[in-house]
Amino acid sequence: MRIIAGTFRSRALEAPAGLATRPTSDRLRETLFNVLAPRIRSHTGGAAFLDLYAGSGAVGIESVSRGVAQVTFVERSPAALKVLRANLARLGLTEGFRIHTESVGSYLRRPRAAAAAGFDVVFLDPPYDAAEEYAAALGLLGGPAAGLLAAGAVVIAEHRRKQRLEVRYGGLERTRLLEQGDAALSFYAAGTVADAE
């Protein structure tokens, strides 16, 4: 794996061994960030990015490379966390990120004061075989955890192309579906934002 563009362009990243973690392919990450680039650039103070089921951190690290001001990684696997921390250290990143070592459900359910700004971009990539994780995470983001989202935020889920996610999860509505090889990206927006996308 490598970083596609930005400050750390072409730098190599490690991936956890085994099949428990499936890193987002370079090609799919490039497609994702081609779509997100105008959104990231439009934030003068820098966008805030939430990387759920972060694994190696490749997607969140790519966001930093492309100008995101703050990324929050949520990952509970000790093996993945070890690789994530090694990738950050290899790049010399010591600030501009937070790591939460807990399940995504626990993170999204934890009571917290609503941030003044919230997250501009949320990316989630649970294990493909954990279909219930999609509904749980997207349901929380479209309901009880909606306060984590900034105005105009986008939530993106990576999933198998053959796996169809719902068009709506509470206040989230799918605005775009991109398919590439065996993978797909479903883009969601909250409330009336969906009508403008």
N, C-alpha and C. Protein backbone atom coordinates (compact mmCIF):
# COMPACT_ATOMS: atom_id res chain seq x y z
N MET A 1 0.83 -1.19 0.00
CA MET A 1 0.00 0.00 0.00
C MET A 1 0.87 1.24 0.00
N ARG A 2 0.36 2.30 -0.64
CA ARG A 2 1.09 3.56 -0.65
C ARG A 2 0.11 4.71 -0.54
N ILE A 3 0.63 5.86 -0.15
CA ILE A 3 -0.19 7.07 -0.11
C ILE A 3 -0.26 7.60 -1.53
N ILE A 4 -1.45 7.94 -1.98
CA ILE A 4 -1.67 8.29 -3.38
C ILE A 4 -1.19 9.69 -3.72
N ALA A 5 -1.52 10.67 -2.90
CA ALA A 5 -1.22 12.07 -3.25
C ALA A 5 -1.02 12.90 -2.00
N GLY A 6 -0.56 14.14 -2.22
CA GLY A 6 -0.41 15.09 -1.13
C GLY A 6 0.98 15.08 -0.52
N THR A 7 1.05 15.55 0.71
CA THR A 7 2.32 15.73 1.42
C THR A 7 3.15 14.46 1.48
N PHE A 8 2.50 13.32 1.68
CA PHE A 8 3.22 12.04 1.84
C PHE A 8 3.12 11.15 0.61
N ARG A 9 2.88 11.75 -0.54
CA ARG A 9 2.69 11.00 -1.78
C ARG A 9 3.77 9.94 -1.99
N SER A 10 3.33 8.75 -2.36
CA SER A 10 4.16 7.59 -2.71
C SER A 10 4.84 6.93 -1.51
N ARG A 11 4.61 7.43 -0.30
CA ARG A 11 5.20 6.78 0.88
C ARG A 11 4.46 5.46 1.14
N ALA A 12 5.20 4.44 1.49
CA ALA A 12 4.63 3.12 1.73
C ALA A 12 3.98 3.03 3.10
N LEU A 13 2.93 2.22 3.18
CA LEU A 13 2.24 1.94 4.43
C LEU A 13 2.21 0.44 4.67
N GLU A 14 2.24 0.05 5.92
CA GLU A 14 2.10 -1.36 6.29
C GLU A 14 0.63 -1.71 6.38
N ALA A 15 0.33 -3.00 6.20
CA ALA A 15 -1.02 -3.50 6.43
C ALA A 15 -0.94 -4.65 7.43
N PRO A 16 -1.94 -4.81 8.28
CA PRO A 16 -1.92 -5.92 9.23
C PRO A 16 -1.89 -7.26 8.49
N ALA A 17 -1.19 -8.23 9.06
CA ALA A 17 -1.12 -9.57 8.45
C ALA A 17 -2.46 -10.27 8.59
N GLY A 18 -2.71 -11.22 7.72
CA GLY A 18 -3.93 -12.03 7.80
C GLY A 18 -5.10 -11.40 7.08
N LEU A 19 -6.24 -12.05 7.22
CA LEU A 19 -7.43 -11.63 6.49
C LEU A 19 -8.44 -10.87 7.34
N ALA A 20 -8.14 -10.70 8.63
CA ALA A 20 -9.10 -10.03 9.51
C ALA A 20 -9.27 -8.56 9.12
N THR A 21 -8.21 -7.94 8.60
CA THR A 21 -8.28 -6.54 8.17
C THR A 21 -8.07 -6.51 6.66
N ARG A 22 -8.95 -5.79 5.95
CA ARG A 22 -8.86 -5.70 4.50
C ARG A 22 -8.68 -4.23 4.14
N PRO A 23 -7.42 -3.82 3.89
CA PRO A 23 -7.19 -2.40 3.59
C PRO A 23 -7.89 -1.97 2.31
N THR A 24 -8.33 -0.72 2.30
CA THR A 24 -8.92 -0.13 1.10
C THR A 24 -7.84 -0.06 0.03
N SER A 25 -8.14 -0.54 -1.16
CA SER A 25 -7.13 -0.58 -2.23
C SER A 25 -6.69 0.84 -2.61
N ASP A 26 -5.47 0.93 -3.14
CA ASP A 26 -4.96 2.23 -3.59
C ASP A 26 -5.91 2.86 -4.61
N ARG A 27 -6.40 2.06 -5.53
CA ARG A 27 -7.26 2.59 -6.60
C ARG A 27 -8.58 3.14 -6.03
N LEU A 28 -9.16 2.40 -5.08
CA LEU A 28 -10.43 2.85 -4.49
C LEU A 28 -10.20 4.10 -3.64
N ARG A 29 -9.07 4.15 -2.91
CA ARG A 29 -8.74 5.35 -2.13
C ARG A 29 -8.58 6.56 -3.05
N GLU A 30 -7.96 6.34 -4.21
CA GLU A 30 -7.79 7.44 -5.16
C GLU A 30 -9.16 7.95 -5.63
N THR A 31 -10.06 7.04 -5.95
CA THR A 31 -11.41 7.41 -6.37
C THR A 31 -12.12 8.18 -5.26
N LEU A 32 -12.03 7.66 -4.04
CA LEU A 32 -12.66 8.31 -2.89
C LEU A 32 -12.18 9.75 -2.73
N PHE A 33 -10.87 9.94 -2.76
CA PHE A 33 -10.34 11.28 -2.51
C PHE A 33 -10.47 12.21 -3.72
N ASN A 34 -10.63 11.68 -4.90
CA ASN A 34 -10.96 12.54 -6.05
C ASN A 34 -12.34 13.17 -5.83
N VAL A 35 -13.26 12.39 -5.25
CA VAL A 35 -14.60 12.91 -4.95
C VAL A 35 -14.54 13.89 -3.78
N LEU A 36 -13.73 13.56 -2.76
CA LEU A 36 -13.70 14.39 -1.55
C LEU A 36 -12.84 15.65 -1.68
N ALA A 37 -11.95 15.71 -2.66
CA ALA A 37 -10.99 16.82 -2.77
C ALA A 37 -11.64 18.21 -2.67
N PRO A 38 -12.69 18.52 -3.43
CA PRO A 38 -13.28 19.86 -3.32
C PRO A 38 -13.81 20.14 -1.91
N ARG A 39 -14.38 19.14 -1.26
CA ARG A 39 -14.92 19.29 0.10
C ARG A 39 -13.79 19.59 1.08
N ILE A 40 -12.68 18.86 0.97
CA ILE A 40 -11.54 19.06 1.87
C ILE A 40 -10.92 20.44 1.65
N ARG A 41 -10.76 20.83 0.38
CA ARG A 41 -10.15 22.14 0.07
C ARG A 41 -11.03 23.30 0.50
N SER A 42 -12.35 23.10 0.56
CA SER A 42 -13.26 24.21 0.85
C SER A 42 -13.24 24.62 2.32
N HIS A 43 -12.63 23.83 3.18
CA HIS A 43 -12.57 24.17 4.61
C HIS A 43 -11.31 24.97 4.88
N THR A 44 -11.48 26.27 5.09
CA THR A 44 -10.31 27.14 5.30
C THR A 44 -9.54 26.78 6.56
N GLY A 45 -10.23 26.36 7.61
CA GLY A 45 -9.53 25.96 8.84
C GLY A 45 -9.11 24.51 8.81
N GLY A 46 -9.45 23.80 7.74
CA GLY A 46 -9.13 22.38 7.63
C GLY A 46 -10.31 21.53 8.06
N ALA A 47 -10.56 20.48 7.31
CA ALA A 47 -11.67 19.59 7.60
C ALA A 47 -11.32 18.62 8.72
N ALA A 48 -12.34 18.11 9.39
CA ALA A 48 -12.18 17.08 10.42
C ALA A 48 -12.70 15.76 9.86
N PHE A 49 -11.90 14.70 9.98
CA PHE A 49 -12.16 13.41 9.34
C PHE A 49 -12.26 12.34 10.42
N LEU A 50 -13.29 11.51 10.36
CA LEU A 50 -13.46 10.39 11.28
C LEU A 50 -13.31 9.09 10.51
N ASP A 51 -12.31 8.28 10.88
CA ASP A 51 -12.00 7.01 10.22
C ASP A 51 -12.42 5.88 11.15
N LEU A 52 -13.60 5.31 10.89
CA LEU A 52 -14.14 4.23 11.70
C LEU A 52 -13.69 2.88 11.15
N TYR A 53 -13.41 1.93 12.03
CA TYR A 53 -12.81 0.63 11.64
C TYR A 53 -11.52 0.93 10.89
N ALA A 54 -10.65 1.70 11.51
CA ALA A 54 -9.50 2.31 10.82
C ALA A 54 -8.47 1.33 10.30
N GLY A 55 -8.33 0.16 10.91
CA GLY A 55 -7.34 -0.80 10.43
C GLY A 55 -5.94 -0.22 10.43
N SER A 56 -5.28 -0.25 9.29
CA SER A 56 -3.91 0.28 9.15
C SER A 56 -3.86 1.80 9.19
N GLY A 57 -5.02 2.44 9.07
CA GLY A 57 -5.08 3.90 9.05
C GLY A 57 -4.87 4.51 7.68
N ALA A 58 -4.84 3.67 6.64
CA ALA A 58 -4.51 4.16 5.29
C ALA A 58 -5.43 5.28 4.82
N VAL A 59 -6.73 5.16 5.07
CA VAL A 59 -7.67 6.18 4.59
C VAL A 59 -7.50 7.48 5.38
N GLY A 60 -7.43 7.37 6.70
CA GLY A 60 -7.23 8.57 7.52
C GLY A 60 -5.90 9.25 7.25
N ILE A 61 -4.85 8.46 7.05
CA ILE A 61 -3.53 9.03 6.75
C ILE A 61 -3.54 9.70 5.38
N GLU A 62 -4.23 9.10 4.42
CA GLU A 62 -4.38 9.74 3.10
C GLU A 62 -5.07 11.09 3.26
N SER A 63 -6.06 11.16 4.15
CA SER A 63 -6.77 12.43 4.35
C SER A 63 -5.83 13.50 4.89
N VAL A 64 -4.94 13.13 5.81
CA VAL A 64 -3.96 14.08 6.35
C VAL A 64 -3.01 14.53 5.25
N SER A 65 -2.57 13.58 4.44
CA SER A 65 -1.66 13.90 3.34
C SER A 65 -2.28 14.91 2.38
N ARG A 66 -3.61 14.88 2.28
CA ARG A 66 -4.32 15.76 1.34
C ARG A 66 -4.87 17.03 2.00
N GLY A 67 -4.49 17.29 3.26
CA GLY A 67 -4.83 18.58 3.85
C GLY A 67 -5.87 18.60 4.94
N VAL A 68 -6.37 17.45 5.37
CA VAL A 68 -7.31 17.43 6.49
C VAL A 68 -6.58 17.89 7.74
N ALA A 69 -7.23 18.73 8.55
CA ALA A 69 -6.59 19.31 9.73
C ALA A 69 -6.53 18.33 10.89
N GLN A 70 -7.57 17.52 11.04
CA GLN A 70 -7.66 16.62 12.20
C GLN A 70 -8.33 15.32 11.78
N VAL A 71 -7.71 14.19 12.10
CA VAL A 71 -8.31 12.88 11.83
C VAL A 71 -8.43 12.12 13.15
N THR A 72 -9.57 11.47 13.32
CA THR A 72 -9.80 10.62 14.48
C THR A 72 -9.94 9.19 13.99
N PHE A 73 -9.09 8.30 14.51
CA PHE A 73 -9.11 6.89 14.16
C PHE A 73 -9.83 6.12 15.25
N VAL A 74 -10.73 5.21 14.87
CA VAL A 74 -11.39 4.33 15.84
C VAL A 74 -11.10 2.90 15.40
N GLU A 75 -10.41 2.16 16.25
CA GLU A 75 -10.01 0.78 15.95
C GLU A 75 -9.80 0.04 17.26
N ARG A 76 -10.26 -1.20 17.34
CA ARG A 76 -10.09 -1.95 18.60
C ARG A 76 -9.14 -3.14 18.49
N SER A 77 -8.80 -3.58 17.28
CA SER A 77 -7.92 -4.74 17.12
C SER A 77 -6.49 -4.38 17.51
N PRO A 78 -5.89 -5.10 18.48
CA PRO A 78 -4.51 -4.80 18.88
C PRO A 78 -3.52 -4.89 17.71
N ALA A 79 -3.70 -5.88 16.84
CA ALA A 79 -2.78 -6.04 15.70
C ALA A 79 -2.89 -4.84 14.75
N ALA A 80 -4.12 -4.42 14.45
CA ALA A 80 -4.33 -3.27 13.57
C ALA A 80 -3.81 -1.99 14.22
N LEU A 81 -4.04 -1.83 15.52
CA LEU A 81 -3.56 -0.63 16.22
C LEU A 81 -2.03 -0.54 16.19
N LYS A 82 -1.37 -1.67 16.31
CA LYS A 82 0.10 -1.68 16.26
C LYS A 82 0.58 -1.19 14.89
N VAL A 83 -0.06 -1.66 13.82
CA VAL A 83 0.31 -1.24 12.46
C VAL A 83 -0.05 0.23 12.24
N LEU A 84 -1.22 0.66 12.70
CA LEU A 84 -1.64 2.05 12.58
C LEU A 84 -0.62 2.98 13.23
N ARG A 85 -0.24 2.68 14.46
CA ARG A 85 0.75 3.51 15.16
C ARG A 85 2.10 3.50 14.45
N ALA A 86 2.49 2.33 13.92
CA ALA A 86 3.76 2.24 13.19
C ALA A 86 3.71 3.08 11.92
N ASN A 87 2.58 3.09 11.22
CA ASN A 87 2.44 3.90 10.00
C ASN A 87 2.54 5.39 10.32
N LEU A 88 1.90 5.82 11.40
CA LEU A 88 1.97 7.23 11.81
C LEU A 88 3.40 7.60 12.17
N ALA A 89 4.09 6.72 12.91
CA ALA A 89 5.47 6.99 13.32
C ALA A 89 6.41 7.03 12.11
N ARG A 90 6.19 6.12 11.17
CA ARG A 90 7.05 6.06 9.97
C ARG A 90 6.98 7.38 9.19
N LEU A 91 5.82 8.02 9.22
CA LEU A 91 5.64 9.29 8.52
C LEU A 91 6.02 10.50 9.37
N GLY A 92 6.37 10.25 10.62
CA GLY A 92 6.74 11.35 11.51
C GLY A 92 5.56 12.17 11.99
N LEU A 93 4.36 11.60 11.94
CA LEU A 93 3.16 12.32 12.38
C LEU A 93 3.03 12.22 13.90
N THR A 94 3.04 13.35 14.56
CA THR A 94 2.93 13.37 16.01
C THR A 94 1.74 14.21 16.48
N GLU A 95 1.07 14.89 15.56
CA GLU A 95 -0.10 15.69 15.93
C GLU A 95 -1.08 15.70 14.77
N GLY A 96 -2.27 16.24 15.03
CA GLY A 96 -3.32 16.30 14.01
C GLY A 96 -4.15 15.03 13.95
N PHE A 97 -4.00 14.15 14.95
CA PHE A 97 -4.80 12.93 14.98
C PHE A 97 -5.08 12.51 16.42
N ARG A 98 -6.14 11.70 16.56
CA ARG A 98 -6.47 11.04 17.81
C ARG A 98 -6.76 9.58 17.50
N ILE A 99 -6.44 8.70 18.42
CA ILE A 99 -6.74 7.28 18.27
C ILE A 99 -7.63 6.85 19.43
N HIS A 100 -8.78 6.25 19.10
CA HIS A 100 -9.67 5.71 20.11
C HIS A 100 -9.64 4.19 20.00
N THR A 101 -9.22 3.51 21.06
CA THR A 101 -9.05 2.06 21.05
C THR A 101 -10.28 1.39 21.64
N GLU A 102 -11.35 1.40 20.88
CA GLU A 102 -12.62 0.80 21.30
C GLU A 102 -13.42 0.42 20.07
N SER A 103 -14.52 -0.26 20.31
CA SER A 103 -15.39 -0.62 19.18
C SER A 103 -16.06 0.65 18.64
N VAL A 104 -16.44 0.57 17.38
CA VAL A 104 -17.12 1.70 16.75
C VAL A 104 -18.45 1.97 17.45
N GLY A 105 -19.19 0.91 17.78
CA GLY A 105 -20.46 1.08 18.47
C GLY A 105 -20.29 1.80 19.80
N SER A 106 -19.26 1.40 20.55
CA SER A 106 -18.98 2.04 21.84
C SER A 106 -18.63 3.52 21.65
N TYR A 107 -17.79 3.80 20.65
CA TYR A 107 -17.40 5.19 20.38
C TYR A 107 -18.61 6.03 20.01
N LEU A 108 -19.46 5.52 19.13
CA LEU A 108 -20.61 6.30 18.65
C LEU A 108 -21.71 6.44 19.71
N ARG A 109 -21.77 5.50 20.66
CA ARG A 109 -22.80 5.56 21.70
C ARG A 109 -22.37 6.38 22.92
N ARG A 110 -21.06 6.64 23.03
CA ARG A 110 -20.57 7.33 24.23
C ARG A 110 -21.14 8.74 24.29
N PRO A 111 -21.73 9.11 25.45
CA PRO A 111 -22.24 10.47 25.57
C PRO A 111 -21.08 11.47 25.52
N ARG A 112 -21.26 12.53 24.79
CA ARG A 112 -20.23 13.58 24.73
C ARG A 112 -20.92 14.88 24.36
N ALA A 113 -20.29 15.96 24.76
CA ALA A 113 -20.83 17.27 24.38
C ALA A 113 -20.66 17.41 22.88
N ALA A 114 -21.69 17.86 22.21
CA ALA A 114 -21.61 18.04 20.76
C ALA A 114 -20.52 19.05 20.44
N ALA A 115 -19.62 18.66 19.57
CA ALA A 115 -18.53 19.57 19.19
C ALA A 115 -19.11 20.75 18.44
N ALA A 116 -18.44 21.89 18.56
CA ALA A 116 -18.92 23.10 17.88
C ALA A 116 -18.97 22.88 16.37
N ALA A 117 -17.99 22.16 15.84
CA ALA A 117 -17.92 21.97 14.39
C ALA A 117 -18.35 20.57 13.99
N GLY A 118 -17.88 19.53 14.67
CA GLY A 118 -18.19 18.16 14.30
C GLY A 118 -17.31 17.69 13.15
N PHE A 119 -17.57 16.46 12.71
CA PHE A 119 -16.78 15.86 11.62
C PHE A 119 -17.38 16.23 10.27
N ASP A 120 -16.51 16.64 9.36
CA ASP A 120 -16.94 16.99 7.99
C ASP A 120 -17.05 15.76 7.10
N VAL A 121 -16.19 14.77 7.37
CA VAL A 121 -16.18 13.53 6.60
C VAL A 121 -16.07 12.37 7.57
N VAL A 122 -16.95 11.37 7.39
CA VAL A 122 -16.88 10.14 8.17
C VAL A 122 -16.74 8.99 7.18
N PHE A 123 -15.72 8.15 7.38
CA PHE A 123 -15.50 6.99 6.52
C PHE A 123 -15.59 5.74 7.38
N LEU A 124 -16.36 4.76 6.91
CA LEU A 124 -16.44 3.50 7.63
C LEU A 124 -16.25 2.33 6.70
N ASP A 125 -15.45 1.39 7.18
CA ASP A 125 -15.07 0.24 6.37
C ASP A 125 -14.98 -0.98 7.27
N PRO A 126 -16.15 -1.45 7.79
CA PRO A 126 -16.11 -2.64 8.63
C PRO A 126 -15.74 -3.87 7.82
N PRO A 127 -15.39 -4.98 8.48
CA PRO A 127 -15.15 -6.21 7.73
C PRO A 127 -16.36 -6.51 6.85
N TYR A 128 -16.12 -6.88 5.61
CA TYR A 128 -17.22 -7.13 4.67
C TYR A 128 -18.22 -8.15 5.21
N ASP A 129 -17.73 -9.15 5.95
CA ASP A 129 -18.63 -10.19 6.43
C ASP A 129 -19.44 -9.76 7.66
N ALA A 130 -19.14 -8.63 8.22
CA ALA A 130 -19.86 -8.13 9.40
C ALA A 130 -20.97 -7.18 8.95
N ALA A 131 -21.94 -7.72 8.21
CA ALA A 131 -23.01 -6.91 7.63
C ALA A 131 -23.75 -6.09 8.68
N GLU A 132 -23.90 -6.66 9.88
CA GLU A 132 -24.64 -5.95 10.94
C GLU A 132 -23.93 -4.68 11.38
N GLU A 133 -22.62 -4.61 11.18
CA GLU A 133 -21.86 -3.41 11.57
C GLU A 133 -22.26 -2.20 10.73
N TYR A 134 -22.56 -2.42 9.46
CA TYR A 134 -22.98 -1.31 8.60
C TYR A 134 -24.26 -0.68 9.12
N ALA A 135 -25.27 -1.53 9.34
CA ALA A 135 -26.56 -1.03 9.81
C ALA A 135 -26.41 -0.35 11.17
N ALA A 136 -25.61 -0.95 12.07
CA ALA A 136 -25.45 -0.39 13.41
C ALA A 136 -24.77 0.98 13.35
N ALA A 137 -23.63 1.07 12.65
CA ALA A 137 -22.88 2.33 12.59
C ALA A 137 -23.66 3.41 11.85
N LEU A 138 -24.21 3.06 10.69
CA LEU A 138 -24.95 4.06 9.91
C LEU A 138 -26.23 4.48 10.65
N GLY A 139 -26.85 3.52 11.34
CA GLY A 139 -28.05 3.85 12.12
C GLY A 139 -27.73 4.83 13.24
N LEU A 140 -26.59 4.63 13.91
CA LEU A 140 -26.19 5.55 14.98
C LEU A 140 -25.85 6.93 14.40
N LEU A 141 -25.14 6.96 13.29
CA LEU A 141 -24.77 8.24 12.67
C LEU A 141 -26.01 8.98 12.14
N GLY A 142 -27.02 8.24 11.76
CA GLY A 142 -28.26 8.86 11.28
C GLY A 142 -29.24 9.14 12.39
N GLY A 143 -28.87 8.79 13.64
CA GLY A 143 -29.76 8.99 14.77
C GLY A 143 -29.04 9.54 15.98
N PRO A 144 -28.82 8.69 17.01
CA PRO A 144 -28.25 9.18 18.28
C PRO A 144 -26.89 9.87 18.17
N ALA A 145 -26.06 9.46 17.21
CA ALA A 145 -24.72 10.05 17.08
C ALA A 145 -24.65 11.15 16.02
N ALA A 146 -25.81 11.60 15.53
CA ALA A 146 -25.83 12.62 14.47
C ALA A 146 -25.15 13.92 14.91
N GLY A 147 -25.08 14.16 16.23
CA GLY A 147 -24.42 15.36 16.73
C GLY A 147 -22.93 15.40 16.45
N LEU A 148 -22.36 14.25 16.06
CA LEU A 148 -20.94 14.22 15.69
C LEU A 148 -20.68 14.84 14.32
N LEU A 149 -21.74 15.00 13.53
CA LEU A 149 -21.59 15.47 12.15
C LEU A 149 -21.69 16.99 12.06
N ALA A 150 -20.76 17.58 11.31
CA ALA A 150 -20.81 19.01 11.03
C ALA A 150 -21.93 19.27 10.02
N ALA A 151 -22.35 20.50 9.90
CA ALA A 151 -23.33 20.86 8.88
C ALA A 151 -22.73 20.54 7.51
N GLY A 152 -23.50 19.86 6.67
CA GLY A 152 -23.02 19.51 5.34
C GLY A 152 -22.07 18.33 5.30
N ALA A 153 -21.98 17.57 6.40
CA ALA A 153 -21.06 16.43 6.46
C ALA A 153 -21.47 15.34 5.48
N VAL A 154 -20.48 14.54 5.09
CA VAL A 154 -20.73 13.37 4.25
C VAL A 154 -20.23 12.14 5.00
N VAL A 155 -21.00 11.05 4.92
CA VAL A 155 -20.64 9.77 5.52
C VAL A 155 -20.49 8.78 4.38
N ILE A 156 -19.34 8.11 4.32
CA ILE A 156 -19.06 7.17 3.23
C ILE A 156 -18.82 5.79 3.80
N ALA A 157 -19.50 4.78 3.25
CA ALA A 157 -19.31 3.39 3.65
C ALA A 157 -18.71 2.62 2.48
N GLU A 158 -17.60 1.93 2.74
CA GLU A 158 -17.04 1.00 1.74
C GLU A 158 -17.64 -0.37 2.00
N HIS A 159 -18.09 -1.03 0.94
CA HIS A 159 -18.72 -2.34 1.10
C HIS A 159 -18.54 -3.17 -0.18
N ARG A 160 -18.93 -4.43 -0.10
CA ARG A 160 -18.91 -5.27 -1.30
C ARG A 160 -19.88 -4.71 -2.33
N ARG A 161 -19.50 -4.81 -3.56
CA ARG A 161 -20.39 -4.32 -4.63
C ARG A 161 -21.74 -5.04 -4.60
N LYS A 162 -21.71 -6.33 -4.30
CA LYS A 162 -22.95 -7.13 -4.30
C LYS A 162 -23.81 -6.85 -3.07
N GLN A 163 -23.22 -6.28 -2.04
CA GLN A 163 -23.97 -5.98 -0.82
C GLN A 163 -24.67 -4.63 -0.97
N ARG A 164 -25.96 -4.64 -0.91
CA ARG A 164 -26.70 -3.40 -1.06
C ARG A 164 -27.02 -2.82 0.31
N LEU A 165 -26.56 -1.63 0.56
CA LEU A 165 -26.91 -0.93 1.79
C LEU A 165 -28.24 -0.21 1.59
N GLU A 166 -28.86 0.15 2.69
CA GLU A 166 -30.14 0.87 2.62
C GLU A 166 -29.93 2.27 2.03
N VAL A 167 -30.97 2.81 1.44
CA VAL A 167 -30.93 4.16 0.91
C VAL A 167 -30.96 5.18 2.05
N ARG A 168 -31.62 4.81 3.15
CA ARG A 168 -31.76 5.73 4.28
C ARG A 168 -31.50 5.00 5.59
N TYR A 169 -30.75 5.68 6.47
CA TYR A 169 -30.54 5.23 7.85
C TYR A 169 -30.88 6.42 8.73
N GLY A 170 -32.09 6.45 9.27
CA GLY A 170 -32.52 7.59 10.08
C GLY A 170 -32.42 8.87 9.27
N GLY A 171 -31.63 9.83 9.75
CA GLY A 171 -31.47 11.11 9.06
C GLY A 171 -30.46 11.09 7.93
N LEU A 172 -29.82 9.95 7.68
CA LEU A 172 -28.85 9.86 6.57
C LEU A 172 -29.55 9.34 5.32
N GLU A 173 -29.25 9.96 4.19
CA GLU A 173 -29.80 9.50 2.92
C GLU A 173 -28.67 9.35 1.91
N ARG A 174 -28.68 8.20 1.20
CA ARG A 174 -27.63 7.97 0.21
C ARG A 174 -27.81 8.94 -0.96
N THR A 175 -26.70 9.59 -1.33
CA THR A 175 -26.73 10.56 -2.42
C THR A 175 -25.93 10.07 -3.62
N ARG A 176 -25.09 9.05 -3.42
CA ARG A 176 -24.23 8.61 -4.51
C ARG A 176 -23.75 7.19 -4.23
N LEU A 177 -23.60 6.39 -5.28
CA LEU A 177 -23.03 5.05 -5.18
C LEU A 177 -21.99 4.91 -6.28
N LEU A 178 -20.75 4.64 -5.86
CA LEU A 178 -19.66 4.41 -6.82
C LEU A 178 -19.21 2.97 -6.72
N GLU A 179 -19.11 2.29 -7.86
CA GLU A 179 -18.68 0.89 -7.86
C GLU A 179 -17.37 0.77 -8.61
N GLN A 180 -16.47 -0.06 -8.04
CA GLN A 180 -15.17 -0.26 -8.65
C GLN A 180 -14.71 -1.68 -8.33
N GLY A 181 -14.59 -2.51 -9.36
CA GLY A 181 -14.22 -3.91 -9.13
C GLY A 181 -15.26 -4.57 -8.25
N ASP A 182 -14.81 -5.25 -7.20
CA ASP A 182 -15.73 -5.93 -6.28
C ASP A 182 -16.19 -5.02 -5.15
N ALA A 183 -15.69 -3.81 -5.11
CA ALA A 183 -16.00 -2.89 -4.00
C ALA A 183 -16.93 -1.76 -4.45
N ALA A 184 -17.55 -1.14 -3.46
CA ALA A 184 -18.43 0.01 -3.73
C ALA A 184 -18.30 1.01 -2.60
N LEU A 185 -18.61 2.26 -2.91
CA LEU A 185 -18.64 3.33 -1.93
C LEU A 185 -20.04 3.94 -1.94
N SER A 186 -20.71 3.92 -0.80
CA SER A 186 -22.01 4.57 -0.66
C SER A 186 -21.82 5.87 0.10
N PHE A 187 -22.25 6.98 -0.49
CA PHE A 187 -22.12 8.31 0.11
C PHE A 187 -23.46 8.72 0.70
N TYR A 188 -23.44 9.17 1.95
CA TYR A 188 -24.67 9.59 2.64
C TYR A 188 -24.53 11.03 3.12
N ALA A 189 -25.64 11.73 3.13
CA ALA A 189 -25.69 13.08 3.67
C ALA A 189 -26.88 13.16 4.62
N ALA A 190 -26.83 14.11 5.53
CA ALA A 190 -27.89 14.25 6.52
C ALA A 190 -28.97 15.21 6.05
N GLY A 191 -30.20 14.81 6.28
CA GLY A 191 -31.36 15.68 6.04
C GLY A 191 -31.39 16.36 4.70
N THR A 192 -31.62 17.69 4.72
CA THR A 192 -31.78 18.44 3.49
C THR A 192 -30.49 18.58 2.72
N VAL A 193 -29.35 18.27 3.37
CA VAL A 193 -28.08 18.33 2.64
C VAL A 193 -28.11 17.38 1.46
N ALA A 194 -28.80 16.24 1.63
CA ALA A 194 -28.86 15.24 0.58
C ALA A 194 -29.47 15.81 -0.69
N ASP A 195 -30.42 16.71 -0.54
CA ASP A 195 -31.08 17.27 -1.71
C ASP A 195 -30.15 18.15 -2.53
N ALA A 196 -29.13 18.68 -1.90
CA ALA A 196 -28.23 19.60 -2.59
C ALA A 196 -27.03 18.91 -3.21
N GLU A 197 -26.78 17.65 -2.85
CA GLU A 197 -25.57 16.96 -3.32
C GLU A 197 -25.72 16.56 -4.78
